[in-house]
């Protein structure tokens, strides 16, 4: 039951029978139409990078209302969880203190007689 299940050697893929074929014979079209050899061409100077334009976030009144309601719900849920944890800690501390007082009085009572 706990032994590993290893496939038999005849079903394991070999490097020659891989499902992914290597990329060979890919040619790229030249970037320019001039006819010079690539070894003679000088490397182009790096220019300033253009800033990436990102679409602006547009808040409609409906989406703003949904965001406010969602934030309020998250705050209320997290607040409820934290208050309940604090309350559980306080109740546990009070019960431990009460048990300590009762045990102390029970252990000290025979000595007072």
PDB file of N, CA and C in Angstrom:
ATOM      1  N   UNK A   1       0.824  -1.187   0.000  1.00  0.00           N
ATOM      2  CA  UNK A   1       0.000   0.000   0.000  1.00  0.00           C
ATOM      3  C   UNK A   1       0.870   1.253   0.000  1.00  0.00           C
ATOM      4  N   UNK A   2       1.996   1.230   0.741  1.00  0.00           N
ATOM      5  CA  UNK A   2       2.830   2.411   0.843  1.00  0.00           C
ATOM      6  C   UNK A   2       4.016   2.384  -0.124  1.00  0.00           C
ATOM      7  N   UNK A   3       4.067   1.387  -1.007  1.00  0.00           N
ATOM      8  CA  UNK A   3       5.167   1.340  -1.963  1.00  0.00           C
ATOM      9  C   UNK A   3       4.867   2.289  -3.114  1.00  0.00           C
ATOM     10  N   UNK A   4       5.899   2.932  -3.671  1.00  0.00           N
ATOM     11  CA  UNK A   4       5.642   3.871  -4.772  1.00  0.00           C
ATOM     12  C   UNK A   4       5.249   3.129  -6.037  1.00  0.00           C
ATOM     13  N   UNK A   5       4.398   3.741  -6.803  1.00  0.00           N
ATOM     14  CA  UNK A   5       3.944   3.161  -8.060  1.00  0.00           C
ATOM     15  C   UNK A   5       4.789   3.751  -9.184  1.00  0.00           C
ATOM     16  N   UNK A   6       5.775   3.018  -9.633  1.00  0.00           N
ATOM     17  CA  UNK A   6       6.672   3.472 -10.690  1.00  0.00           C
ATOM     18  C   UNK A   6       6.192   2.843 -11.990  1.00  0.00           C
ATOM     19  N   UNK A   7       6.066   3.639 -13.058  1.00  0.00           N
ATOM     20  CA  UNK A   7       5.609   3.031 -14.314  1.00  0.00           C
ATOM     21  C   UNK A   7       6.674   2.104 -14.880  1.00  0.00           C
ATOM     22  N   UNK A   8       6.248   1.083 -15.587  1.00  0.00           N
ATOM     23  CA  UNK A   8       7.237   0.183 -16.196  1.00  0.00           C
ATOM     24  C   UNK A   8       8.102   0.956 -17.192  1.00  0.00           C
ATOM     25  N   UNK A   9       9.323   0.499 -17.432  1.00  0.00           N
ATOM     26  CA  UNK A   9      10.250   1.249 -18.291  1.00  0.00           C
ATOM     27  C   UNK A   9       9.754   1.428 -19.719  1.00  0.00           C
ATOM     28  N   UNK A  10       8.903   0.530 -20.222  1.00  0.00           N
ATOM     29  CA  UNK A  10       8.486   0.653 -21.613  1.00  0.00           C
ATOM     30  C   UNK A  10       7.452   1.763 -21.812  1.00  0.00           C
ATOM     31  N   UNK A  11       6.789   2.255 -20.766  1.00  0.00           N
ATOM     32  CA  UNK A  11       5.801   3.321 -20.934  1.00  0.00           C
ATOM     33  C   UNK A  11       6.357   4.693 -20.614  1.00  0.00           C
ATOM     34  N   UNK A  12       7.539   4.765 -19.986  1.00  0.00           N
ATOM     35  CA  UNK A  12       8.113   6.060 -19.663  1.00  0.00           C
ATOM     36  C   UNK A  12       8.623   6.711 -20.951  1.00  0.00           C
ATOM     37  N   UNK A  13       8.390   8.041 -21.128  1.00  0.00           N
ATOM     38  CA  UNK A  13       8.863   8.682 -22.361  1.00  0.00           C
ATOM     39  C   UNK A  13      10.382   8.796 -22.369  1.00  0.00           C
ATOM     40  N   UNK A  14      10.946   8.604 -23.536  1.00  0.00           N
ATOM     41  CA  UNK A  14      12.389   8.737 -23.699  1.00  0.00           C
ATOM     42  C   UNK A  14      12.668  10.092 -24.340  1.00  0.00           C
ATOM     43  N   UNK A  15      13.903  10.574 -24.273  1.00  0.00           N
ATOM     44  CA  UNK A  15      14.196  11.879 -24.876  1.00  0.00           C
ATOM     45  C   UNK A  15      13.924  11.923 -26.373  1.00  0.00           C
ATOM     46  N   UNK A  16      14.029  10.821 -27.066  1.00  0.00           N
ATOM     47  CA  UNK A  16      13.778  10.803 -28.504  1.00  0.00           C
ATOM     48  C   UNK A  16      12.303  10.814 -28.845  1.00  0.00           C
ATOM     49  N   UNK A  17      11.436  10.392 -27.925  1.00  0.00           N
ATOM     50  CA  UNK A  17       9.997  10.308 -28.198  1.00  0.00           C
ATOM     51  C   UNK A  17       9.219  11.339 -27.400  1.00  0.00           C
ATOM     52  N   UNK A  18       9.776  12.489 -27.200  1.00  0.00           N
ATOM     53  CA  UNK A  18       9.100  13.529 -26.436  1.00  0.00           C
ATOM     54  C   UNK A  18       7.915  14.060 -27.226  1.00  0.00           C
ATOM     55  N   UNK A  19       6.878  14.474 -26.529  1.00  0.00           N
ATOM     56  CA  UNK A  19       5.699  15.035 -27.182  1.00  0.00           C
ATOM     57  C   UNK A  19       5.959  16.447 -27.696  1.00  0.00           C
ATOM     58  N   UNK A  20       6.926  17.143 -27.127  1.00  0.00           N
ATOM     59  CA  UNK A  20       7.247  18.503 -27.549  1.00  0.00           C
ATOM     60  C   UNK A  20       8.394  18.434 -28.544  1.00  0.00           C
ATOM     61  N   UNK A  21       8.170  18.919 -29.740  1.00  0.00           N
ATOM     62  CA  UNK A  21       9.189  18.887 -30.771  1.00  0.00           C
ATOM     63  C   UNK A  21      10.082  20.119 -30.647  1.00  0.00           C
ATOM     64  N   UNK A  22      11.383  19.995 -30.868  1.00  0.00           N
ATOM     65  CA  UNK A  22      12.260  21.161 -30.783  1.00  0.00           C
ATOM     66  C   UNK A  22      11.989  22.120 -31.938  1.00  0.00           C
ATOM     67  N   UNK A  23      12.218  23.404 -31.691  1.00  0.00           N
ATOM     68  CA  UNK A  23      12.016  24.424 -32.716  1.00  0.00           C
ATOM     69  C   UNK A  23      13.271  24.536 -33.563  1.00  0.00           C
ATOM     70  N   UNK A  24      13.158  24.120 -34.826  1.00  0.00           N
ATOM     71  CA  UNK A  24      14.289  24.209 -35.734  1.00  0.00           C
ATOM     72  C   UNK A  24      13.813  24.819 -37.035  1.00  0.00           C
ATOM     73  N   UNK A  25      14.720  25.463 -37.726  1.00  0.00           N
ATOM     74  CA  UNK A  25      14.397  26.002 -39.039  1.00  0.00           C
ATOM     75  C   UNK A  25      13.572  27.286 -38.991  1.00  0.00           C
ATOM     76  N   UNK A  26      13.579  28.000 -37.882  1.00  0.00           N
ATOM     77  CA  UNK A  26      12.824  29.235 -37.792  1.00  0.00           C
ATOM     78  C   UNK A  26      13.699  30.374 -38.295  1.00  0.00           C
ATOM     79  N   UNK A  27      13.189  31.126 -39.236  1.00  0.00           N
ATOM     80  CA  UNK A  27      13.920  32.289 -39.735  1.00  0.00           C
ATOM     81  C   UNK A  27      13.107  33.539 -39.445  1.00  0.00           C
ATOM     82  N   UNK A  28      13.816  34.606 -39.131  1.00  0.00           N
ATOM     83  CA  UNK A  28      13.165  35.870 -38.830  1.00  0.00           C
ATOM     84  C   UNK A  28      13.336  36.820 -40.006  1.00  0.00           C
ATOM     85  N   UNK A  29      12.340  37.630 -40.243  1.00  0.00           N
ATOM     86  CA  UNK A  29      12.449  38.628 -41.294  1.00  0.00           C
ATOM     87  C   UNK A  29      13.299  39.775 -40.787  1.00  0.00           C
ATOM     88  N   UNK A  30      14.080  40.410 -41.654  1.00  0.00           N
ATOM     89  CA  UNK A  30      14.930  41.510 -41.200  1.00  0.00           C
ATOM     90  C   UNK A  30      14.086  42.711 -40.787  1.00  0.00           C
ATOM     91  N   UNK A  31      14.625  43.501 -39.870  1.00  0.00           N
ATOM     92  CA  UNK A  31      13.904  44.664 -39.370  1.00  0.00           C
ATOM     93  C   UNK A  31      13.920  45.808 -40.369  1.00  0.00           C
ATOM     94  N   UNK A  32      14.931  45.857 -41.218  1.00  0.00           N
ATOM     95  CA  UNK A  32      15.002  46.938 -42.205  1.00  0.00           C
ATOM     96  C   UNK A  32      15.159  46.325 -43.588  1.00  0.00           C
ATOM     97  N   UNK A  33      15.001  47.160 -44.627  1.00  0.00           N
ATOM     98  CA  UNK A  33      15.098  46.660 -45.998  1.00  0.00           C
ATOM     99  C   UNK A  33      16.464  46.903 -46.611  1.00  0.00           C
ATOM    100  N   UNK A  34      17.397  47.507 -45.889  1.00  0.00           N
ATOM    101  CA  UNK A  34      18.733  47.730 -46.417  1.00  0.00           C
ATOM    102  C   UNK A  34      19.483  46.397 -46.458  1.00  0.00           C
ATOM    103  N   UNK A  35      20.432  46.284 -47.384  1.00  0.00           N
ATOM    104  CA  UNK A  35      21.107  45.000 -47.597  1.00  0.00           C
ATOM    105  C   UNK A  35      22.536  45.060 -47.087  1.00  0.00           C
ATOM    106  N   UNK A  36      22.704  44.990 -45.808  1.00  0.00           N
ATOM    107  CA  UNK A  36      24.042  44.918 -45.250  1.00  0.00           C
ATOM    108  C   UNK A  36      24.121  43.672 -44.386  1.00  0.00           C
ATOM    109  N   UNK A  37      25.332  43.235 -44.171  1.00  0.00           N
ATOM    110  CA  UNK A  37      25.498  42.010 -43.399  1.00  0.00           C
ATOM    111  C   UNK A  37      25.317  42.305 -41.918  1.00  0.00           C
ATOM    112  N   UNK A  38      24.781  41.360 -41.160  1.00  0.00           N
ATOM    113  CA  UNK A  38      24.557  41.601 -39.736  1.00  0.00           C
ATOM    114  C   UNK A  38      25.842  41.783 -38.950  1.00  0.00           C
ATOM    115  N   UNK A  39      26.980  41.211 -39.427  1.00  0.00           N
ATOM    116  CA  UNK A  39      28.214  41.351 -38.669  1.00  0.00           C
ATOM    117  C   UNK A  39      28.798  42.756 -38.789  1.00  0.00           C
ATOM    118  N   UNK A  40      28.485  43.493 -39.876  1.00  0.00           N
ATOM    119  CA  UNK A  40      29.025  44.824 -40.099  1.00  0.00           C
ATOM    120  C   UNK A  40      28.150  45.884 -39.451  1.00  0.00           C
ATOM    121  N   UNK A  41      26.893  45.572 -39.246  1.00  0.00           N
ATOM    122  CA  UNK A  41      25.945  46.573 -38.745  1.00  0.00           C
ATOM    123  C   UNK A  41      26.280  46.957 -37.313  1.00  0.00           C
ATOM    124  N   UNK A  42      26.372  48.267 -37.046  1.00  0.00           N
ATOM    125  CA  UNK A  42      26.629  48.697 -35.667  1.00  0.00           C
ATOM    126  C   UNK A  42      25.380  48.524 -34.816  1.00  0.00           C
ATOM    127  N   UNK A  43      25.609  48.330 -33.545  1.00  0.00           N
ATOM    128  CA  UNK A  43      24.488  48.168 -32.624  1.00  0.00           C
ATOM    129  C   UNK A  43      23.813  49.517 -32.428  1.00  0.00           C
ATOM    130  N   UNK A  44      22.497  49.579 -32.470  1.00  0.00           N
ATOM    131  CA  UNK A  44      21.815  50.860 -32.280  1.00  0.00           C
ATOM    132  C   UNK A  44      21.983  51.344 -30.847  1.00  0.00           C
ATOM    133  N   UNK A  45      22.097  52.655 -30.703  1.00  0.00           N
ATOM    134  CA  UNK A  45      22.252  53.250 -29.376  1.00  0.00           C
ATOM    135  C   UNK A  45      20.932  53.160 -28.628  1.00  0.00           C
ATOM    136  N   UNK A  46      20.978  52.774 -27.361  1.00  0.00           N
ATOM    137  CA  UNK A  46      19.722  52.683 -26.612  1.00  0.00           C
ATOM    138  C   UNK A  46      19.155  54.078 -26.369  1.00  0.00           C
ATOM    139  N   UNK A  47      17.903  54.243 -26.721  1.00  0.00           N
ATOM    140  CA  UNK A  47      17.231  55.528 -26.536  1.00  0.00           C
ATOM    141  C   UNK A  47      16.464  55.532 -25.229  1.00  0.00           C
ATOM    142  N   UNK A  48      15.922  56.670 -24.867  1.00  0.00           N
ATOM    143  CA  UNK A  48      15.138  56.725 -23.629  1.00  0.00           C
ATOM    144  C   UNK A  48      13.886  55.863 -23.759  1.00  0.00           C
ATOM    145  N   UNK A  49      13.609  55.139 -22.722  1.00  0.00           N
ATOM    146  CA  UNK A  49      12.457  54.244 -22.740  1.00  0.00           C
ATOM    147  C   UNK A  49      11.175  55.059 -22.637  1.00  0.00           C
ATOM    148  N   UNK A  50      10.224  54.729 -23.475  1.00  0.00           N
ATOM    149  CA  UNK A  50       8.941  55.431 -23.456  1.00  0.00           C
ATOM    150  C   UNK A  50       8.132  54.944 -22.265  1.00  0.00           C
ATOM    151  N   UNK A  51       7.467  55.825 -21.558  1.00  0.00           N
ATOM    152  CA  UNK A  51       6.658  55.380 -20.419  1.00  0.00           C
ATOM    153  C   UNK A  51       5.489  54.529 -20.896  1.00  0.00           C
ATOM    154  N   UNK A  52       5.196  53.529 -20.125  1.00  0.00           N
ATOM    155  CA  UNK A  52       4.101  52.631 -20.456  1.00  0.00           C
ATOM    156  C   UNK A  52       2.795  53.322 -20.084  1.00  0.00           C
ATOM    157  N   UNK A  53       1.934  53.428 -21.063  1.00  0.00           N
ATOM    158  CA  UNK A  53       0.658  54.083 -20.767  1.00  0.00           C
ATOM    159  C   UNK A  53      -0.316  53.050 -20.212  1.00  0.00           C
ATOM    160  N   UNK A  54      -0.857  53.351 -19.078  1.00  0.00           N
ATOM    161  CA  UNK A  54      -1.814  52.454 -18.429  1.00  0.00           C
ATOM    162  C   UNK A  54      -3.176  53.117 -18.450  1.00  0.00           C
ATOM    163  N   UNK A  55      -4.202  52.320 -18.581  1.00  0.00           N
ATOM    164  CA  UNK A  55      -5.533  52.923 -18.576  1.00  0.00           C
ATOM    165  C   UNK A  55      -5.855  53.493 -17.198  1.00  0.00           C
ATOM    166  N   UNK A  56      -6.484  54.627 -17.197  1.00  0.00           N
ATOM    167  CA  UNK A  56      -6.857  55.276 -15.938  1.00  0.00           C
ATOM    168  C   UNK A  56      -8.037  54.543 -15.311  1.00  0.00           C
ATOM    169  N   UNK A  57      -8.035  54.469 -13.995  1.00  0.00           N
ATOM    170  CA  UNK A  57      -9.135  53.832 -13.282  1.00  0.00           C
ATOM    171  C   UNK A  57     -10.267  54.843 -13.163  1.00  0.00           C
ATOM    172  N   UNK A  58     -11.410  54.473 -13.663  1.00  0.00           N
ATOM    173  CA  UNK A  58     -12.557  55.372 -13.606  1.00  0.00           C
ATOM    174  C   UNK A  58     -13.581  54.800 -12.636  1.00  0.00           C
ATOM    175  N   UNK A  59     -13.847  55.548 -11.575  1.00  0.00           N
ATOM    176  CA  UNK A  59     -14.814  55.112 -10.573  1.00  0.00           C
ATOM    177  C   UNK A  59     -16.157  55.763 -10.854  1.00  0.00           C
ATOM    178  N   UNK A  60     -17.135  54.928 -11.056  1.00  0.00           N
ATOM    179  CA  UNK A  60     -18.497  55.435 -11.217  1.00  0.00           C
ATOM    180  C   UNK A  60     -19.139  55.487  -9.832  1.00  0.00           C
ATOM    181  N   UNK A  61     -20.232  56.209  -9.677  1.00  0.00           N
ATOM    182  CA  UNK A  61     -20.881  56.242  -8.361  1.00  0.00           C
ATOM    183  C   UNK A  61     -21.298  54.857  -7.871  1.00  0.00           C
ATOM    184  N   UNK A  62     -21.703  53.990  -8.775  1.00  0.00           N
ATOM    185  CA  UNK A  62     -22.097  52.634  -8.370  1.00  0.00           C
ATOM    186  C   UNK A  62     -20.916  51.819  -7.870  1.00  0.00           C
ATOM    187  N   UNK A  63     -19.787  51.895  -8.583  1.00  0.00           N
ATOM    188  CA  UNK A  63     -18.623  51.131  -8.148  1.00  0.00           C
ATOM    189  C   UNK A  63     -18.033  51.711  -6.864  1.00  0.00           C
ATOM    190  N   UNK A  64     -18.129  53.030  -6.687  1.00  0.00           N
ATOM    191  CA  UNK A  64     -17.670  53.648  -5.455  1.00  0.00           C
ATOM    192  C   UNK A  64     -18.520  53.193  -4.274  1.00  0.00           C
ATOM    193  N   UNK A  65     -19.817  53.071  -4.495  1.00  0.00           N
ATOM    194  CA  UNK A  65     -20.730  52.602  -3.448  1.00  0.00           C
ATOM    195  C   UNK A  65     -20.435  51.143  -3.091  1.00  0.00           C
ATOM    196  N   UNK A  66     -20.178  50.322  -4.100  1.00  0.00           N
ATOM    197  CA  UNK A  66     -19.857  48.913  -3.857  1.00  0.00           C
ATOM    198  C   UNK A  66     -18.538  48.793  -3.092  1.00  0.00           C
ATOM    199  N   UNK A  67     -17.538  49.612  -3.455  1.00  0.00           N
ATOM    200  CA  UNK A  67     -16.256  49.566  -2.757  1.00  0.00           C
ATOM    201  C   UNK A  67     -16.409  49.997  -1.302  1.00  0.00           C
ATOM    202  N   UNK A  68     -17.206  51.026  -1.054  1.00  0.00           N
ATOM    203  CA  UNK A  68     -17.425  51.481   0.324  1.00  0.00           C
ATOM    204  C   UNK A  68     -18.174  50.427   1.130  1.00  0.00           C
ATOM    205  N   UNK A  69     -19.172  49.804   0.531  1.00  0.00           N
ATOM    206  CA  UNK A  69     -19.933  48.760   1.233  1.00  0.00           C
ATOM    207  C   UNK A  69     -19.042  47.550   1.518  1.00  0.00           C
ATOM    208  N   UNK A  70     -18.196  47.179   0.560  1.00  0.00           N
ATOM    209  CA  UNK A  70     -17.292  46.049   0.780  1.00  0.00           C
ATOM    210  C   UNK A  70     -16.281  46.343   1.868  1.00  0.00           C
ATOM    211  N   UNK A  71     -15.733  47.556   1.882  1.00  0.00           N
ATOM    212  CA  UNK A  71     -14.795  47.933   2.934  1.00  0.00           C
ATOM    213  C   UNK A  71     -15.442  47.947   4.300  1.00  0.00           C
ATOM    214  N   UNK A  72     -16.679  48.450   4.366  1.00  0.00           N
ATOM    215  CA  UNK A  72     -17.410  48.462   5.633  1.00  0.00           C
ATOM    216  C   UNK A  72     -17.669  47.045   6.128  1.00  0.00           C
ATOM    217  N   UNK A  73     -18.042  46.167   5.214  1.00  0.00           N
ATOM    218  CA  UNK A  73     -18.301  44.774   5.598  1.00  0.00           C
ATOM    219  C   UNK A  73     -17.025  44.107   6.121  1.00  0.00           C
ATOM    220  N   UNK A  74     -15.896  44.370   5.468  1.00  0.00           N
ATOM    221  CA  UNK A  74     -14.637  43.771   5.918  1.00  0.00           C
ATOM    222  C   UNK A  74     -14.269  44.289   7.302  1.00  0.00           C
ATOM    223  N   UNK A  75     -14.417  45.586   7.523  1.00  0.00           N
ATOM    224  CA  UNK A  75     -14.097  46.162   8.832  1.00  0.00           C
ATOM    225  C   UNK A  75     -14.998  45.580   9.916  1.00  0.00           C
ATOM    226  N   UNK A  76     -16.290  45.429   9.612  1.00  0.00           N
ATOM    227  CA  UNK A  76     -17.211  44.880  10.608  1.00  0.00           C
ATOM    228  C   UNK A  76     -16.895  43.422  10.926  1.00  0.00           C
ATOM    229  N   UNK A  77     -16.579  42.639   9.919  1.00  0.00           N
ATOM    230  CA  UNK A  77     -16.283  41.224  10.162  1.00  0.00           C
ATOM    231  C   UNK A  77     -14.984  41.077  10.954  1.00  0.00           C
ATOM    232  N   UNK A  78     -13.943  41.815  10.548  1.00  0.00           N
ATOM    233  CA  UNK A  78     -12.677  41.724  11.270  1.00  0.00           C
ATOM    234  C   UNK A  78     -12.838  42.240  12.693  1.00  0.00           C
ATOM    235  N   UNK A  79     -13.586  43.323  12.885  1.00  0.00           N
ATOM    236  CA  UNK A  79     -13.833  43.840  14.231  1.00  0.00           C
ATOM    237  C   UNK A  79     -14.583  42.844  15.091  1.00  0.00           C
ATOM    238  N   UNK A  80     -15.577  42.189  14.531  1.00  0.00           N
ATOM    239  CA  UNK A  80     -16.337  41.191  15.289  1.00  0.00           C
ATOM    240  C   UNK A  80     -15.444  40.028  15.711  1.00  0.00           C
ATOM    241  N   UNK A  81     -14.591  39.572  14.811  1.00  0.00           N
ATOM    242  CA  UNK A  81     -13.696  38.462  15.145  1.00  0.00           C
ATOM    243  C   UNK A  81     -12.721  38.876  16.246  1.00  0.00           C
ATOM    244  N   UNK A  82     -12.154  40.069  16.133  1.00  0.00           N
ATOM    245  CA  UNK A  82     -11.192  40.508  17.146  1.00  0.00           C
ATOM    246  C   UNK A  82     -11.848  40.715  18.507  1.00  0.00           C
ATOM    247  N   UNK A  83     -13.057  41.289  18.526  1.00  0.00           N
ATOM    248  CA  UNK A  83     -13.752  41.498  19.797  1.00  0.00           C
ATOM    249  C   UNK A  83     -14.127  40.159  20.427  1.00  0.00           C
ATOM    250  N   UNK A  84     -14.551  39.204  19.606  1.00  0.00           N
ATOM    251  CA  UNK A  84     -14.907  37.900  20.164  1.00  0.00           C
ATOM    252  C   UNK A  84     -13.677  37.185  20.721  1.00  0.00           C
ATOM    253  N   UNK A  85     -12.525  37.340  20.071  1.00  0.00           N
ATOM    254  CA  UNK A  85     -11.310  36.739  20.602  1.00  0.00           C
ATOM    255  C   UNK A  85     -10.896  37.394  21.915  1.00  0.00           C
ATOM    256  N   UNK A  86     -11.043  38.717  22.001  1.00  0.00           N
ATOM    257  CA  UNK A  86     -10.729  39.418  23.247  1.00  0.00           C
ATOM    258  C   UNK A  86     -11.685  38.995  24.360  1.00  0.00           C
ATOM    259  N   UNK A  87     -12.945  38.849  24.032  1.00  0.00           N
ATOM    260  CA  UNK A  87     -13.933  38.421  25.018  1.00  0.00           C
ATOM    261  C   UNK A  87     -13.643  36.996  25.498  1.00  0.00           C
ATOM    262  N   UNK A  88     -13.268  36.116  24.581  1.00  0.00           N
ATOM    263  CA  UNK A  88     -12.935  34.744  24.973  1.00  0.00           C
ATOM    264  C   UNK A  88     -11.717  34.720  25.891  1.00  0.00           C
ATOM    265  N   UNK A  89     -10.740  35.573  25.605  1.00  0.00           N
ATOM    266  CA  UNK A  89      -9.567  35.646  26.468  1.00  0.00           C
ATOM    267  C   UNK A  89      -9.924  36.170  27.854  1.00  0.00           C
ATOM    268  N   UNK A  90     -10.785  37.179  27.902  1.00  0.00           N
ATOM    269  CA  UNK A  90     -11.183  37.748  29.192  1.00  0.00           C
ATOM    270  C   UNK A  90     -11.973  36.741  30.015  1.00  0.00           C
ATOM    271  N   UNK A  91     -12.872  36.005  29.387  1.00  0.00           N
ATOM    272  CA  UNK A  91     -13.668  35.006  30.111  1.00  0.00           C
ATOM    273  C   UNK A  91     -12.762  33.890  30.623  1.00  0.00           C
ATOM    274  N   UNK A  92     -11.806  33.461  29.804  1.00  0.00           N
ATOM    275  CA  UNK A  92     -10.876  32.412  30.236  1.00  0.00           C
ATOM    276  C   UNK A  92     -10.036  32.890  31.415  1.00  0.00           C
ATOM    277  N   UNK A  93      -9.558  34.127  31.364  1.00  0.00           N
ATOM    278  CA  UNK A  93      -8.746  34.651  32.466  1.00  0.00           C
ATOM    279  C   UNK A  93      -9.562  34.757  33.743  1.00  0.00           C
ATOM    280  N   UNK A  94     -10.816  35.189  33.626  1.00  0.00           N
ATOM    281  CA  UNK A  94     -11.665  35.303  34.815  1.00  0.00           C
ATOM    282  C   UNK A  94     -11.949  33.930  35.426  1.00  0.00           C
ATOM    283  N   UNK A  95     -12.186  32.929  34.575  1.00  0.00           N
ATOM    284  CA  UNK A  95     -12.469  31.598  35.109  1.00  0.00           C
ATOM    285  C   UNK A  95     -11.231  30.984  35.754  1.00  0.00           C
ATOM    286  N   UNK A  96     -10.055  31.220  35.192  1.00  0.00           N
ATOM    287  CA  UNK A  96      -8.815  30.708  35.795  1.00  0.00           C
ATOM    288  C   UNK A  96      -8.571  31.395  37.130  1.00  0.00           C
ATOM    289  N   UNK A  97      -8.832  32.694  37.202  1.00  0.00           N
ATOM    290  CA  UNK A  97      -8.660  33.409  38.469  1.00  0.00           C
ATOM    291  C   UNK A  97      -9.631  32.899  39.521  1.00  0.00           C
ATOM    292  N   UNK A  98     -10.873  32.651  39.131  1.00  0.00           N
ATOM    293  CA  UNK A  98     -11.867  32.128  40.062  1.00  0.00           C
ATOM    294  C   UNK A  98     -11.473  30.739  40.554  1.00  0.00           C
ATOM    295  N   UNK A  99     -10.986  29.891  39.661  1.00  0.00           N
ATOM    296  CA  UNK A  99     -10.529  28.555  40.064  1.00  0.00           C
ATOM    297  C   UNK A  99      -9.345  28.655  41.021  1.00  0.00           C
ATOM    298  N   UNK A 100      -8.445  29.616  40.790  1.00  0.00           N
ATOM    299  CA  UNK A 100      -7.294  29.782  41.682  1.00  0.00           C
ATOM    300  C   UNK A 100      -7.741  30.212  43.066  1.00  0.00           C
ATOM    301  N   UNK A 101      -8.738  31.109  43.160  1.00  0.00           N
ATOM    302  CA  UNK A 101      -9.239  31.557  44.465  1.00  0.00           C
ATOM    303  C   UNK A 101      -9.910  30.411  45.196  1.00  0.00           C
ATOM    304  N   UNK A 102     -10.708  29.623  44.483  1.00  0.00           N
ATOM    305  CA  UNK A 102     -11.409  28.498  45.110  1.00  0.00           C
ATOM    306  C   UNK A 102     -10.404  27.457  45.593  1.00  0.00           C
ATOM    307  N   UNK A 103      -9.424  27.119  44.772  1.00  0.00           N
ATOM    308  CA  UNK A 103      -8.424  26.140  45.188  1.00  0.00           C
ATOM    309  C   UNK A 103      -7.605  26.641  46.369  1.00  0.00           C
ATOM    310  N   UNK A 104      -7.295  27.918  46.375  1.00  0.00           N
ATOM    311  CA  UNK A 104      -6.531  28.479  47.493  1.00  0.00           C
ATOM    312  C   UNK A 104      -7.327  28.391  48.795  1.00  0.00           C
ATOM    313  N   UNK A 105      -8.627  28.710  48.702  1.00  0.00           N
ATOM    314  CA  UNK A 105      -9.441  28.642  49.914  1.00  0.00           C
ATOM    315  C   UNK A 105      -9.633  27.198  50.384  1.00  0.00           C
ATOM    316  N   UNK A 106      -9.732  26.256  49.457  1.00  0.00           N
ATOM    317  CA  UNK A 106      -9.870  24.861  49.837  1.00  0.00           C
ATOM    318  C   UNK A 106      -8.597  24.303  50.462  1.00  0.00           C
ATOM    319  N   UNK A 107      -7.449  24.719  49.947  1.00  0.00           N
ATOM    320  CA  UNK A 107      -6.190  24.208  50.485  1.00  0.00           C
ATOM    321  C   UNK A 107      -5.817  24.868  51.813  1.00  0.00           C
ATOM    322  N   UNK A 108      -6.220  26.089  52.039  1.00  0.00           N
ATOM    323  CA  UNK A 108      -5.855  26.802  53.269  1.00  0.00           C
ATOM    324  C   UNK A 108      -6.857  26.559  54.408  1.00  0.00           C
ATOM    325  N   UNK A 109      -8.024  26.069  54.147  1.00  0.00           N
ATOM    326  CA  UNK A 109      -9.047  25.897  55.169  1.00  0.00           C
ATOM    327  C   UNK A 109      -8.648  24.893  56.265  1.00  0.00           C
ATOM    328  N   UNK A 110      -8.045  23.733  55.939  1.00  0.00           N
ATOM    329  CA  UNK A 110      -7.666  22.816  57.022  1.00  0.00           C
ATOM    330  C   UNK A 110      -6.618  23.413  57.955  1.00  0.00           C
ATOM    331  N   UNK A 111      -5.793  24.301  57.489  1.00  0.00           N
ATOM    332  CA  UNK A 111      -4.762  24.889  58.327  1.00  0.00           C
ATOM    333  C   UNK A 111      -5.347  25.899  59.303  1.00  0.00           C
ATOM    334  N   UNK A 112      -6.494  26.480  59.010  1.00  0.00           N
ATOM    335  CA  UNK A 112      -7.092  27.506  59.865  1.00  0.00           C
ATOM    336  C   UNK A 112      -7.853  26.921  61.042  1.00  0.00           C
ATOM    337  N   UNK A 113      -8.131  25.660  61.087  1.00  0.00           N
ATOM    338  CA  UNK A 113      -8.912  25.063  62.158  1.00  0.00           C
ATOM    339  C   UNK A 113      -8.102  24.784  63.381  1.00  0.00           C
TER     340      UNK A 113
END
